[in-house]
Amino acid sequence: MTITIASLTPLVAILFGILILIFPRLLNYLIALYLILSGLMGLGLVG
């Protein structure tokens, strides 16, 4: 199984959603990290 950007983004979203449910104070940091990672993946710099 090859991990691509298309399959990695939903997995990251699910992971961050679970972490937000467990630790609501992490919301701002997780959203910022998600946006940075998705932007880097969109540019082709990561993944």
N, C-alpha and C. Protein backbone atom coordinates (compact mmCIF):
# COMPACT_ATOMS: atom_id res chain seq x y z
N MET A 1 0.85 -1.18 0.00
CA MET A 1 0.00 0.00 0.00
C MET A 1 0.88 1.23 0.00
N THR A 2 0.66 2.09 -0.96
CA THR A 2 1.43 3.32 -1.06
C THR A 2 0.66 4.45 -0.40
N ILE A 3 1.33 5.21 0.45
CA ILE A 3 0.70 6.35 1.11
C ILE A 3 0.92 7.57 0.24
N THR A 4 -0.18 8.17 -0.21
CA THR A 4 -0.11 9.37 -1.03
C THR A 4 -0.73 10.54 -0.26
N ILE A 5 -0.62 11.72 -0.84
CA ILE A 5 -1.21 12.90 -0.20
C ILE A 5 -2.71 12.73 -0.07
N ALA A 6 -3.33 12.12 -1.07
CA ALA A 6 -4.78 11.94 -1.05
C ALA A 6 -5.22 11.03 0.09
N SER A 7 -4.41 10.06 0.47
CA SER A 7 -4.78 9.17 1.56
C SER A 7 -4.26 9.66 2.90
N LEU A 8 -3.25 10.50 2.88
CA LEU A 8 -2.67 10.98 4.14
C LEU A 8 -3.50 12.09 4.78
N THR A 9 -4.06 12.97 3.99
CA THR A 9 -4.82 14.11 4.52
C THR A 9 -6.03 13.67 5.35
N PRO A 10 -6.87 12.74 4.89
CA PRO A 10 -7.99 12.32 5.74
C PRO A 10 -7.54 11.62 7.03
N LEU A 11 -6.44 10.88 6.96
CA LEU A 11 -5.95 10.21 8.17
C LEU A 11 -5.48 11.24 9.20
N VAL A 12 -4.80 12.27 8.75
CA VAL A 12 -4.35 13.33 9.65
C VAL A 12 -5.56 14.05 10.24
N ALA A 13 -6.59 14.29 9.44
CA ALA A 13 -7.80 14.95 9.93
C ALA A 13 -8.50 14.12 11.00
N ILE A 14 -8.57 12.81 10.79
CA ILE A 14 -9.20 11.94 11.79
C ILE A 14 -8.38 11.93 13.08
N LEU A 15 -7.07 11.83 12.96
CA LEU A 15 -6.21 11.84 14.14
C LEU A 15 -6.36 13.14 14.92
N PHE A 16 -6.33 14.26 14.22
CA PHE A 16 -6.47 15.56 14.90
C PHE A 16 -7.85 15.71 15.52
N GLY A 17 -8.88 15.18 14.86
CA GLY A 17 -10.23 15.23 15.43
C GLY A 17 -10.33 14.46 16.73
N ILE A 18 -9.71 13.31 16.78
CA ILE A 18 -9.71 12.51 18.02
C ILE A 18 -8.94 13.24 19.11
N LEU A 19 -7.79 13.82 18.76
CA LEU A 19 -7.00 14.55 19.75
C LEU A 19 -7.75 15.77 20.28
N ILE A 20 -8.51 16.45 19.42
CA ILE A 20 -9.29 17.60 19.86
C ILE A 20 -10.39 17.16 20.84
N LEU A 21 -10.99 15.99 20.59
CA LEU A 21 -12.00 15.49 21.52
C LEU A 21 -11.40 15.16 22.87
N ILE A 22 -10.19 14.62 22.87
CA ILE A 22 -9.56 14.23 24.12
C ILE A 22 -8.96 15.44 24.84
N PHE A 23 -8.29 16.32 24.08
CA PHE A 23 -7.62 17.49 24.65
C PHE A 23 -8.11 18.76 23.96
N PRO A 24 -9.24 19.33 24.39
CA PRO A 24 -9.79 20.50 23.69
C PRO A 24 -8.86 21.71 23.67
N ARG A 25 -7.94 21.81 24.61
CA ARG A 25 -7.04 22.95 24.64
C ARG A 25 -6.02 22.92 23.50
N LEU A 26 -5.85 21.77 22.86
CA LEU A 26 -4.92 21.64 21.75
C LEU A 26 -5.49 22.14 20.43
N LEU A 27 -6.74 22.58 20.43
CA LEU A 27 -7.44 22.92 19.19
C LEU A 27 -6.65 23.90 18.33
N ASN A 28 -6.22 25.01 18.88
CA ASN A 28 -5.51 26.02 18.08
C ASN A 28 -4.22 25.48 17.49
N TYR A 29 -3.47 24.74 18.29
CA TYR A 29 -2.19 24.20 17.81
C TYR A 29 -2.39 23.14 16.74
N LEU A 30 -3.39 22.28 16.93
CA LEU A 30 -3.63 21.23 15.95
C LEU A 30 -4.13 21.79 14.63
N ILE A 31 -4.99 22.81 14.70
CA ILE A 31 -5.48 23.42 13.45
C ILE A 31 -4.33 24.10 12.72
N ALA A 32 -3.50 24.81 13.45
CA ALA A 32 -2.35 25.48 12.83
C ALA A 32 -1.42 24.45 12.19
N LEU A 33 -1.12 23.38 12.91
CA LEU A 33 -0.24 22.35 12.39
C LEU A 33 -0.85 21.67 11.16
N TYR A 34 -2.15 21.41 11.21
CA TYR A 34 -2.84 20.80 10.07
C TYR A 34 -2.78 21.69 8.84
N LEU A 35 -3.01 22.97 9.03
CA LEU A 35 -2.98 23.89 7.89
C LEU A 35 -1.58 24.00 7.30
N ILE A 36 -0.58 24.03 8.16
CA ILE A 36 0.80 24.09 7.67
C ILE A 36 1.16 22.82 6.90
N LEU A 37 0.82 21.66 7.47
CA LEU A 37 1.12 20.39 6.79
C LEU A 37 0.37 20.25 5.48
N SER A 38 -0.90 20.61 5.47
CA SER A 38 -1.67 20.47 4.23
C SER A 38 -1.15 21.46 3.17
N GLY A 39 -0.70 22.63 3.59
CA GLY A 39 -0.11 23.56 2.64
C GLY A 39 1.18 23.05 2.06
N LEU A 40 2.03 22.47 2.91
CA LEU A 40 3.29 21.91 2.43
C LEU A 40 3.06 20.72 1.51
N MET A 41 2.06 19.89 1.84
CA MET A 41 1.74 18.76 0.98
C MET A 41 1.17 19.25 -0.34
N GLY A 42 0.39 20.30 -0.31
CA GLY A 42 -0.18 20.84 -1.54
C GLY A 42 0.90 21.41 -2.46
N LEU A 43 1.95 21.96 -1.87
CA LEU A 43 3.06 22.49 -2.66
C LEU A 43 4.01 21.39 -3.12
N GLY A 44 3.86 20.22 -2.56
CA GLY A 44 4.72 19.10 -2.95
C GLY A 44 6.03 19.07 -2.19
N LEU A 45 6.13 19.81 -1.10
CA LEU A 45 7.37 19.85 -0.32
C LEU A 45 7.44 18.71 0.70
N VAL A 46 6.29 18.16 1.08
CA VAL A 46 6.23 17.05 2.04
C VAL A 46 5.38 15.96 1.42
N GLY A 47 5.81 14.72 1.61
CA GLY A 47 5.00 13.59 1.14
C GLY A 47 5.37 13.22 -0.23
